[in-house]
Amino acid sequence: MRDYELLFVLDPTMDEEAKADLIEKVKAVIGTDGEAGEADVWGERRLAYSINKKNTGYYVVLPFKANAELPKELDRRMRINENVMRHIIVCQDEE
């Protein structure tokens, strides 16, 4: 298993319960074939440029361990979800 880090930006207009639910769904996807760490919620921050006419986003960082196939599936699911404005998955093992 490799160490990864997922950073994603959620739509700031979502209510707190929906944000927490979405974070738990992402953890569940990771839990199918890996181990999710504790989510580091940065909260609402200003974006460098507007996305979908929004100037702020709700940032979450989630470390996890998984095999090489899981990040591909996670990336696919994050692209489909309309509440995720942006996301990036980084492999921590690479030097």
PDB file of N, CA and C in Angstrom:
ATOM      1  N   MET A   1       0.830  -1.187   0.000  1.00  0.00           N
ATOM      2  CA  MET A   1       0.000   0.000   0.000  1.00  0.00           C
ATOM      3  C   MET A   1       0.877   1.254   0.000  1.00  0.00           C
ATOM      4  N   ARG A   2       0.401   2.264  -0.684  1.00  0.00           N
ATOM      5  CA  ARG A   2       1.122   3.535  -0.759  1.00  0.00           C
ATOM      6  C   ARG A   2       0.359   4.603   0.023  1.00  0.00           C
ATOM      7  N   ASP A   3       1.081   5.632   0.430  1.00  0.00           N
ATOM      8  CA  ASP A   3       0.488   6.761   1.129  1.00  0.00           C
ATOM      9  C   ASP A   3       0.071   7.824   0.115  1.00  0.00           C
ATOM     10  N   TYR A   4      -1.162   8.299   0.238  1.00  0.00           N
ATOM     11  CA  TYR A   4      -1.697   9.337  -0.635  1.00  0.00           C
ATOM     12  C   TYR A   4      -2.295  10.455   0.214  1.00  0.00           C
ATOM     13  N   GLU A   5      -2.518  11.571  -0.443  1.00  0.00           N
ATOM     14  CA  GLU A   5      -3.209  12.684   0.189  1.00  0.00           C
ATOM     15  C   GLU A   5      -4.204  13.254  -0.819  1.00  0.00           C
ATOM     16  N   LEU A   6      -5.434  13.403  -0.393  1.00  0.00           N
ATOM     17  CA  LEU A   6      -6.492  13.946  -1.230  1.00  0.00           C
ATOM     18  C   LEU A   6      -6.878  15.317  -0.694  1.00  0.00           C
ATOM     19  N   LEU A   7      -6.799  16.329  -1.531  1.00  0.00           N
ATOM     20  CA  LEU A   7      -7.286  17.662  -1.187  1.00  0.00           C
ATOM     21  C   LEU A   7      -8.459  17.947  -2.099  1.00  0.00           C
ATOM     22  N   PHE A   8      -9.589  18.312  -1.511  1.00  0.00           N
ATOM     23  CA  PHE A   8     -10.729  18.663  -2.343  1.00  0.00           C
ATOM     24  C   PHE A   8     -11.426  19.906  -1.810  1.00  0.00           C
ATOM     25  N   VAL A   9     -12.038  20.644  -2.740  1.00  0.00           N
ATOM     26  CA  VAL A   9     -12.725  21.893  -2.433  1.00  0.00           C
ATOM     27  C   VAL A   9     -14.204  21.678  -2.713  1.00  0.00           C
ATOM     28  N   LEU A  10     -15.015  21.881  -1.669  1.00  0.00           N
ATOM     29  CA  LEU A  10     -16.453  21.700  -1.797  1.00  0.00           C
ATOM     30  C   LEU A  10     -17.148  23.032  -2.028  1.00  0.00           C
ATOM     31  N   ASP A  11     -18.351  22.948  -2.570  1.00  0.00           N
ATOM     32  CA  ASP A  11     -19.183  24.128  -2.783  1.00  0.00           C
ATOM     33  C   ASP A  11     -19.521  24.736  -1.418  1.00  0.00           C
ATOM     34  N   PRO A  12     -19.217  26.015  -1.187  1.00  0.00           N
ATOM     35  CA  PRO A  12     -19.441  26.612   0.123  1.00  0.00           C
ATOM     36  C   PRO A  12     -20.918  26.824   0.462  1.00  0.00           C
ATOM     37  N   THR A  13     -21.813  26.711  -0.505  1.00  0.00           N
ATOM     38  CA  THR A  13     -23.231  26.917  -0.237  1.00  0.00           C
ATOM     39  C   THR A  13     -23.899  25.683   0.363  1.00  0.00           C
ATOM     40  N   MET A  14     -23.196  24.555   0.417  1.00  0.00           N
ATOM     41  CA  MET A  14     -23.747  23.347   1.042  1.00  0.00           C
ATOM     42  C   MET A  14     -23.882  23.584   2.546  1.00  0.00           C
ATOM     43  N   ASP A  15     -24.885  22.951   3.175  1.00  0.00           N
ATOM     44  CA  ASP A  15     -24.991  23.077   4.622  1.00  0.00           C
ATOM     45  C   ASP A  15     -23.983  22.146   5.304  1.00  0.00           C
ATOM     46  N   GLU A  16     -23.740  22.384   6.592  1.00  0.00           N
ATOM     47  CA  GLU A  16     -22.693  21.660   7.321  1.00  0.00           C
ATOM     48  C   GLU A  16     -22.936  20.147   7.335  1.00  0.00           C
ATOM     49  N   GLU A  17     -24.187  19.749   7.453  1.00  0.00           N
ATOM     50  CA  GLU A  17     -24.518  18.324   7.490  1.00  0.00           C
ATOM     51  C   GLU A  17     -24.194  17.654   6.155  1.00  0.00           C
ATOM     52  N   ALA A  18     -24.473  18.323   5.055  1.00  0.00           N
ATOM     53  CA  ALA A  18     -24.183  17.784   3.726  1.00  0.00           C
ATOM     54  C   ALA A  18     -22.676  17.678   3.505  1.00  0.00           C
ATOM     55  N   LYS A  19     -21.921  18.665   3.996  1.00  0.00           N
ATOM     56  CA  LYS A  19     -20.463  18.615   3.873  1.00  0.00           C
ATOM     57  C   LYS A  19     -19.898  17.436   4.644  1.00  0.00           C
ATOM     58  N   ALA A  20     -20.361  17.250   5.894  1.00  0.00           N
ATOM     59  CA  ALA A  20     -19.888  16.131   6.717  1.00  0.00           C
ATOM     60  C   ALA A  20     -20.269  14.796   6.087  1.00  0.00           C
ATOM     61  N   ASP A  21     -21.459  14.729   5.509  1.00  0.00           N
ATOM     62  CA  ASP A  21     -21.922  13.504   4.854  1.00  0.00           C
ATOM     63  C   ASP A  21     -21.058  13.167   3.644  1.00  0.00           C
ATOM     64  N   LEU A  22     -20.696  14.178   2.861  1.00  0.00           N
ATOM     65  CA  LEU A  22     -19.856  13.963   1.682  1.00  0.00           C
ATOM     66  C   LEU A  22     -18.455  13.503   2.082  1.00  0.00           C
ATOM     67  N   ILE A  23     -17.917  14.071   3.153  1.00  0.00           N
ATOM     68  CA  ILE A  23     -16.604  13.643   3.649  1.00  0.00           C
ATOM     69  C   ILE A  23     -16.661  12.185   4.075  1.00  0.00           C
ATOM     70  N   GLU A  24     -17.740  11.774   4.748  1.00  0.00           N
ATOM     71  CA  GLU A  24     -17.893  10.382   5.167  1.00  0.00           C
ATOM     72  C   GLU A  24     -18.047   9.448   3.969  1.00  0.00           C
ATOM     73  N   LYS A  25     -18.716   9.904   2.913  1.00  0.00           N
ATOM     74  CA  LYS A  25     -18.850   9.087   1.704  1.00  0.00           C
ATOM     75  C   LYS A  25     -17.489   8.864   1.046  1.00  0.00           C
ATOM     76  N   VAL A  26     -16.652   9.902   1.023  1.00  0.00           N
ATOM     77  CA  VAL A  26     -15.306   9.764   0.457  1.00  0.00           C
ATOM     78  C   VAL A  26     -14.501   8.781   1.291  1.00  0.00           C
ATOM     79  N   LYS A  27     -14.620   8.871   2.610  1.00  0.00           N
ATOM     80  CA  LYS A  27     -13.920   7.917   3.493  1.00  0.00           C
ATOM     81  C   LYS A  27     -14.405   6.487   3.247  1.00  0.00           C
ATOM     82  N   ALA A  28     -15.702   6.324   2.980  1.00  0.00           N
ATOM     83  CA  ALA A  28     -16.255   4.998   2.709  1.00  0.00           C
ATOM     84  C   ALA A  28     -15.705   4.422   1.410  1.00  0.00           C
ATOM     85  N   VAL A  29     -15.551   5.261   0.388  1.00  0.00           N
ATOM     86  CA  VAL A  29     -14.978   4.810  -0.880  1.00  0.00           C
ATOM     87  C   VAL A  29     -13.540   4.351  -0.656  1.00  0.00           C
ATOM     88  N   ILE A  30     -12.794   5.117   0.117  1.00  0.00           N
ATOM     89  CA  ILE A  30     -11.405   4.745   0.416  1.00  0.00           C
ATOM     90  C   ILE A  30     -11.369   3.474   1.253  1.00  0.00           C
ATOM     91  N   GLY A  31     -12.308   3.323   2.175  1.00  0.00           N
ATOM     92  CA  GLY A  31     -12.353   2.163   3.065  1.00  0.00           C
ATOM     93  C   GLY A  31     -12.617   0.848   2.367  1.00  0.00           C
ATOM     94  N   THR A  32     -13.127   0.864   1.133  1.00  0.00           N
ATOM     95  CA  THR A  32     -13.392  -0.377   0.417  1.00  0.00           C
ATOM     96  C   THR A  32     -12.105  -1.125   0.069  1.00  0.00           C
ATOM     97  N   ASP A  33     -11.020  -0.373  -0.208  1.00  0.00           N
ATOM     98  CA  ASP A  33      -9.778  -1.022  -0.629  1.00  0.00           C
ATOM     99  C   ASP A  33      -8.552  -0.348  -0.019  1.00  0.00           C
ATOM    100  N   GLY A  34      -8.754   0.416   1.060  1.00  0.00           N
ATOM    101  CA  GLY A  34      -7.634   1.121   1.668  1.00  0.00           C
ATOM    102  C   GLY A  34      -7.970   1.550   3.083  1.00  0.00           C
ATOM    103  N   GLU A  35      -7.157   2.452   3.617  1.00  0.00           N
ATOM    104  CA  GLU A  35      -7.346   2.956   4.969  1.00  0.00           C
ATOM    105  C   GLU A  35      -7.368   4.485   4.922  1.00  0.00           C
ATOM    106  N   ALA A  36      -8.482   5.067   5.350  1.00  0.00           N
ATOM    107  CA  ALA A  36      -8.600   6.522   5.379  1.00  0.00           C
ATOM    108  C   ALA A  36      -8.099   7.056   6.708  1.00  0.00           C
ATOM    109  N   GLY A  37      -7.362   8.155   6.662  1.00  0.00           N
ATOM    110  CA  GLY A  37      -6.902   8.810   7.870  1.00  0.00           C
ATOM    111  C   GLY A  37      -7.932   9.806   8.369  1.00  0.00           C
ATOM    112  N   GLU A  38      -7.532  10.644   9.304  1.00  0.00           N
ATOM    113  CA  GLU A  38      -8.423  11.661   9.852  1.00  0.00           C
ATOM    114  C   GLU A  38      -8.487  12.856   8.904  1.00  0.00           C
ATOM    115  N   ALA A  39      -9.687  13.311   8.599  1.00  0.00           N
ATOM    116  CA  ALA A  39      -9.872  14.441   7.696  1.00  0.00           C
ATOM    117  C   ALA A  39      -9.454  15.732   8.389  1.00  0.00           C
ATOM    118  N   ASP A  40      -8.641  16.529   7.706  1.00  0.00           N
ATOM    119  CA  ASP A  40      -8.209  17.829   8.197  1.00  0.00           C
ATOM    120  C   ASP A  40      -9.037  18.880   7.462  1.00  0.00           C
ATOM    121  N   VAL A  41     -10.036  19.426   8.153  1.00  0.00           N
ATOM    122  CA  VAL A  41     -10.943  20.393   7.542  1.00  0.00           C
ATOM    123  C   VAL A  41     -10.357  21.787   7.718  1.00  0.00           C
ATOM    124  N   TRP A  42     -10.019  22.422   6.613  1.00  0.00           N
ATOM    125  CA  TRP A  42      -9.475  23.777   6.643  1.00  0.00           C
ATOM    126  C   TRP A  42     -10.589  24.809   6.713  1.00  0.00           C
ATOM    127  N   GLY A  43     -11.779  24.430   6.303  1.00  0.00           N
ATOM    128  CA  GLY A  43     -12.907  25.343   6.332  1.00  0.00           C
ATOM    129  C   GLY A  43     -13.011  26.171   5.061  1.00  0.00           C
ATOM    130  N   GLU A  44     -13.773  27.245   5.162  1.00  0.00           N
ATOM    131  CA  GLU A  44     -14.016  28.082   3.990  1.00  0.00           C
ATOM    132  C   GLU A  44     -12.875  29.075   3.809  1.00  0.00           C
ATOM    133  N   ARG A  45     -12.331  29.086   2.597  1.00  0.00           N
ATOM    134  CA  ARG A  45     -11.222  29.980   2.257  1.00  0.00           C
ATOM    135  C   ARG A  45     -11.470  30.616   0.903  1.00  0.00           C
ATOM    136  N   ARG A  46     -10.813  31.724   0.697  1.00  0.00           N
ATOM    137  CA  ARG A  46     -10.920  32.452  -0.566  1.00  0.00           C
ATOM    138  C   ARG A  46     -10.152  31.694  -1.655  1.00  0.00           C
ATOM    139  N   LEU A  47     -10.749  31.622  -2.842  1.00  0.00           N
ATOM    140  CA  LEU A  47     -10.121  30.973  -3.988  1.00  0.00           C
ATOM    141  C   LEU A  47      -9.212  31.963  -4.712  1.00  0.00           C
ATOM    142  N   ALA A  48      -8.207  31.457  -5.388  1.00  0.00           N
ATOM    143  CA  ALA A  48      -7.304  32.309  -6.158  1.00  0.00           C
ATOM    144  C   ALA A  48      -8.019  32.907  -7.370  1.00  0.00           C
ATOM    145  N   TYR A  49      -8.991  32.182  -7.893  1.00  0.00           N
ATOM    146  CA  TYR A  49      -9.809  32.652  -9.010  1.00  0.00           C
ATOM    147  C   TYR A  49     -11.210  32.084  -8.827  1.00  0.00           C
ATOM    148  N   SER A  50     -12.196  32.729  -9.392  1.00  0.00           N
ATOM    149  CA  SER A  50     -13.575  32.275  -9.191  1.00  0.00           C
ATOM    150  C   SER A  50     -13.835  30.994  -9.993  1.00  0.00           C
ATOM    151  N   ILE A  51     -14.576  30.099  -9.363  1.00  0.00           N
ATOM    152  CA  ILE A  51     -14.985  28.836  -9.978  1.00  0.00           C
ATOM    153  C   ILE A  51     -16.507  28.795  -9.917  1.00  0.00           C
ATOM    154  N   ASN A  52     -17.145  28.662 -11.053  1.00  0.00           N
ATOM    155  CA  ASN A  52     -18.616  28.651 -11.117  1.00  0.00           C
ATOM    156  C   ASN A  52     -19.223  29.873 -10.422  1.00  0.00           C
ATOM    157  N   LYS A  53     -18.604  31.018 -10.614  1.00  0.00           N
ATOM    158  CA  LYS A  53     -19.035  32.301 -10.050  1.00  0.00           C
ATOM    159  C   LYS A  53     -19.000  32.317  -8.524  1.00  0.00           C
ATOM    160  N   LYS A  54     -18.139  31.491  -7.933  1.00  0.00           N
ATOM    161  CA  LYS A  54     -17.963  31.473  -6.480  1.00  0.00           C
ATOM    162  C   LYS A  54     -16.533  31.887  -6.164  1.00  0.00           C
ATOM    163  N   ASN A  55     -16.367  32.722  -5.141  1.00  0.00           N
ATOM    164  CA  ASN A  55     -15.043  33.212  -4.765  1.00  0.00           C
ATOM    165  C   ASN A  55     -14.452  32.497  -3.562  1.00  0.00           C
ATOM    166  N   THR A  56     -15.239  31.639  -2.891  1.00  0.00           N
ATOM    167  CA  THR A  56     -14.737  30.885  -1.749  1.00  0.00           C
ATOM    168  C   THR A  56     -15.036  29.408  -1.951  1.00  0.00           C
ATOM    169  N   GLY A  57     -14.319  28.578  -1.208  1.00  0.00           N
ATOM    170  CA  GLY A  57     -14.523  27.139  -1.254  1.00  0.00           C
ATOM    171  C   GLY A  57     -14.265  26.543   0.116  1.00  0.00           C
ATOM    172  N   TYR A  58     -14.804  25.361   0.372  1.00  0.00           N
ATOM    173  CA  TYR A  58     -14.649  24.658   1.646  1.00  0.00           C
ATOM    174  C   TYR A  58     -13.580  23.580   1.448  1.00  0.00           C
ATOM    175  N   TYR A  59     -12.408  23.773   2.038  1.00  0.00           N
ATOM    176  CA  TYR A  59     -11.252  22.906   1.807  1.00  0.00           C
ATOM    177  C   TYR A  59     -11.189  21.760   2.806  1.00  0.00           C
ATOM    178  N   VAL A  60     -10.865  20.558   2.306  1.00  0.00           N
ATOM    179  CA  VAL A  60     -10.686  19.370   3.145  1.00  0.00           C
ATOM    180  C   VAL A  60      -9.465  18.608   2.637  1.00  0.00           C
ATOM    181  N   VAL A  61      -8.586  18.191   3.571  1.00  0.00           N
ATOM    182  CA  VAL A  61      -7.424  17.359   3.241  1.00  0.00           C
ATOM    183  C   VAL A  61      -7.616  16.018   3.929  1.00  0.00           C
ATOM    184  N   LEU A  62      -7.453  14.935   3.164  1.00  0.00           N
ATOM    185  CA  LEU A  62      -7.688  13.595   3.685  1.00  0.00           C
ATOM    186  C   LEU A  62      -6.523  12.678   3.312  1.00  0.00           C
ATOM    187  N   PRO A  63      -5.672  12.303   4.286  1.00  0.00           N
ATOM    188  CA  PRO A  63      -4.607  11.336   3.991  1.00  0.00           C
ATOM    189  C   PRO A  63      -5.186   9.913   3.974  1.00  0.00           C
ATOM    190  N   PHE A  64      -4.634   9.067   3.111  1.00  0.00           N
ATOM    191  CA  PHE A  64      -5.097   7.675   3.073  1.00  0.00           C
ATOM    192  C   PHE A  64      -4.023   6.767   2.512  1.00  0.00           C
ATOM    193  N   LYS A  65      -4.182   5.465   2.779  1.00  0.00           N
ATOM    194  CA  LYS A  65      -3.297   4.433   2.244  1.00  0.00           C
ATOM    195  C   LYS A  65      -4.130   3.543   1.350  1.00  0.00           C
ATOM    196  N   ALA A  66      -3.582   3.197   0.188  1.00  0.00           N
ATOM    197  CA  ALA A  66      -4.333   2.375  -0.750  1.00  0.00           C
ATOM    198  C   ALA A  66      -3.404   1.771  -1.787  1.00  0.00           C
ATOM    199  N   ASN A  67      -3.950   0.825  -2.536  1.00  0.00           N
ATOM    200  CA  ASN A  67      -3.240   0.265  -3.680  1.00  0.00           C
ATOM    201  C   ASN A  67      -3.336   1.246  -4.844  1.00  0.00           C
ATOM    202  N   ALA A  68      -2.622   0.974  -5.910  1.00  0.00           N
ATOM    203  CA  ALA A  68      -2.516   1.912  -7.030  1.00  0.00           C
ATOM    204  C   ALA A  68      -3.827   2.119  -7.789  1.00  0.00           C
ATOM    205  N   GLU A  69      -4.773   1.193  -7.705  1.00  0.00           N
ATOM    206  CA  GLU A  69      -6.014   1.312  -8.464  1.00  0.00           C
ATOM    207  C   GLU A  69      -7.041   2.216  -7.799  1.00  0.00           C
ATOM    208  N   LEU A  70      -7.014   2.332  -6.486  1.00  0.00           N
ATOM    209  CA  LEU A  70      -8.029   3.121  -5.780  1.00  0.00           C
ATOM    210  C   LEU A  70      -8.019   4.604  -6.139  1.00  0.00           C
ATOM    211  N   PRO A  71      -6.866   5.267  -6.264  1.00  0.00           N
ATOM    212  CA  PRO A  71      -6.902   6.686  -6.638  1.00  0.00           C
ATOM    213  C   PRO A  71      -7.586   6.954  -7.983  1.00  0.00           C
ATOM    214  N   LYS A  72      -7.492   6.027  -8.908  1.00  0.00           N
ATOM    215  CA  LYS A  72      -8.166   6.197 -10.198  1.00  0.00           C
ATOM    216  C   LYS A  72      -9.682   6.201 -10.023  1.00  0.00           C
ATOM    217  N   GLU A  73     -10.188   5.265  -9.210  1.00  0.00           N
ATOM    218  CA  GLU A  73     -11.626   5.192  -8.948  1.00  0.00           C
ATOM    219  C   GLU A  73     -12.088   6.407  -8.150  1.00  0.00           C
ATOM    220  N   LEU A  74     -11.292   6.819  -7.178  1.00  0.00           N
ATOM    221  CA  LEU A  74     -11.625   7.988  -6.370  1.00  0.00           C
ATOM    222  C   LEU A  74     -11.669   9.247  -7.235  1.00  0.00           C
ATOM    223  N   ASP A  75     -10.713   9.386  -8.138  1.00  0.00           N
ATOM    224  CA  ASP A  75     -10.680  10.521  -9.059  1.00  0.00           C
ATOM    225  C   ASP A  75     -11.928  10.543  -9.931  1.00  0.00           C
ATOM    226  N   ARG A  76     -12.349   9.386 -10.413  1.00  0.00           N
ATOM    227  CA  ARG A  76     -13.543   9.286 -11.252  1.00  0.00           C
ATOM    228  C   ARG A  76     -14.780   9.744 -10.478  1.00  0.00           C
ATOM    229  N   ARG A  77     -14.905   9.299  -9.240  1.00  0.00           N
ATOM    230  CA  ARG A  77     -16.077   9.657  -8.437  1.00  0.00           C
ATOM    231  C   ARG A  77     -16.082  11.134  -8.050  1.00  0.00           C
ATOM    232  N   MET A  78     -14.903  11.696  -7.817  1.00  0.00           N
ATOM    233  CA  MET A  78     -14.835  13.110  -7.463  1.00  0.00           C
ATOM    234  C   MET A  78     -15.215  13.986  -8.656  1.00  0.00           C
ATOM    235  N   ARG A  79     -14.844  13.551  -9.860  1.00  0.00           N
ATOM    236  CA  ARG A  79     -15.196  14.313 -11.066  1.00  0.00           C
ATOM    237  C   ARG A  79     -16.713  14.320 -11.298  1.00  0.00           C
ATOM    238  N   ILE A  80     -17.377  13.235 -10.962  1.00  0.00           N
ATOM    239  CA  ILE A  80     -18.816  13.109 -11.186  1.00  0.00           C
ATOM    240  C   ILE A  80     -19.610  13.970 -10.208  1.00  0.00           C
ATOM    241  N   ASN A  81     -19.143  14.094  -8.977  1.00  0.00           N
ATOM    242  CA  ASN A  81     -19.887  14.800  -7.935  1.00  0.00           C
ATOM    243  C   ASN A  81     -19.896  16.302  -8.213  1.00  0.00           C
ATOM    244  N   GLU A  82     -21.075  16.873  -8.352  1.00  0.00           N
ATOM    245  CA  GLU A  82     -21.186  18.293  -8.698  1.00  0.00           C
ATOM    246  C   GLU A  82     -20.900  19.220  -7.523  1.00  0.00           C
ATOM    247  N   ASN A  83     -20.863  18.703  -6.294  1.00  0.00           N
ATOM    248  CA  ASN A  83     -20.545  19.527  -5.127  1.00  0.00           C
ATOM    249  C   ASN A  83     -19.044  19.688  -4.908  1.00  0.00           C
ATOM    250  N   VAL A  84     -18.240  18.886  -5.608  1.00  0.00           N
ATOM    251  CA  VAL A  84     -16.783  18.999  -5.517  1.00  0.00           C
ATOM    252  C   VAL A  84     -16.334  19.944  -6.632  1.00  0.00           C
ATOM    253  N   MET A  85     -15.815  21.097  -6.219  1.00  0.00           N
ATOM    254  CA  MET A  85     -15.403  22.100  -7.205  1.00  0.00           C
ATOM    255  C   MET A  85     -14.056  21.743  -7.830  1.00  0.00           C
ATOM    256  N   ARG A  86     -13.096  21.323  -7.015  1.00  0.00           N
ATOM    257  CA  ARG A  86     -11.770  20.895  -7.475  1.00  0.00           C
ATOM    258  C   ARG A  86     -11.246  19.823  -6.532  1.00  0.00           C
ATOM    259  N   HIS A  87     -10.333  18.993  -7.035  1.00  0.00           N
ATOM    260  CA  HIS A  87      -9.686  17.993  -6.187  1.00  0.00           C
ATOM    261  C   HIS A  87      -8.328  17.626  -6.782  1.00  0.00           C
ATOM    262  N   ILE A  88      -7.461  17.098  -5.924  1.00  0.00           N
ATOM    263  CA  ILE A  88      -6.170  16.609  -6.372  1.00  0.00           C
ATOM    264  C   ILE A  88      -5.743  15.468  -5.448  1.00  0.00           C
ATOM    265  N   ILE A  89      -5.182  14.427  -6.039  1.00  0.00           N
ATOM    266  CA  ILE A  89      -4.672  13.284  -5.289  1.00  0.00           C
ATOM    267  C   ILE A  89      -3.153  13.246  -5.506  1.00  0.00           C
ATOM    268  N   VAL A  90      -2.401  13.239  -4.409  1.00  0.00           N
ATOM    269  CA  VAL A  90      -0.943  13.252  -4.477  1.00  0.00           C
ATOM    270  C   VAL A  90      -0.406  12.010  -3.775  1.00  0.00           C
ATOM    271  N   CYS A  91       0.536  11.340  -4.425  1.00  0.00           N
ATOM    272  CA  CYS A  91       1.206  10.194  -3.822  1.00  0.00           C
ATOM    273  C   CYS A  91       2.343  10.707  -2.940  1.00  0.00           C
ATOM    274  N   GLN A  92       2.315  10.366  -1.662  1.00  0.00           N
ATOM    275  CA  GLN A  92       3.311  10.846  -0.713  1.00  0.00           C
ATOM    276  C   GLN A  92       4.600  10.028  -0.766  1.00  0.00           C
ATOM    277  N   ASP A  93       4.574   8.822  -1.331  1.00  0.00           N
ATOM    278  CA  ASP A  93       5.747   7.938  -1.361  1.00  0.00           C
ATOM    279  C   ASP A  93       6.800   8.414  -2.339  1.00  0.00           C
ATOM    280  N   GLU A  94       6.404   9.118  -3.403  1.00  0.00           N
ATOM    281  CA  GLU A  94       7.352   9.552  -4.417  1.00  0.00           C
ATOM    282  C   GLU A  94       8.255  10.646  -3.850  1.00  0.00           C
ATOM    283  N   GLU A  95       9.517  10.592  -4.209  1.00  0.00           N
ATOM    284  CA  GLU A  95      10.474  11.579  -3.680  1.00  0.00           C
ATOM    285  C   GLU A  95      10.914  12.555  -4.747  1.00  0.00           C
TER     286      GLU A  95
END
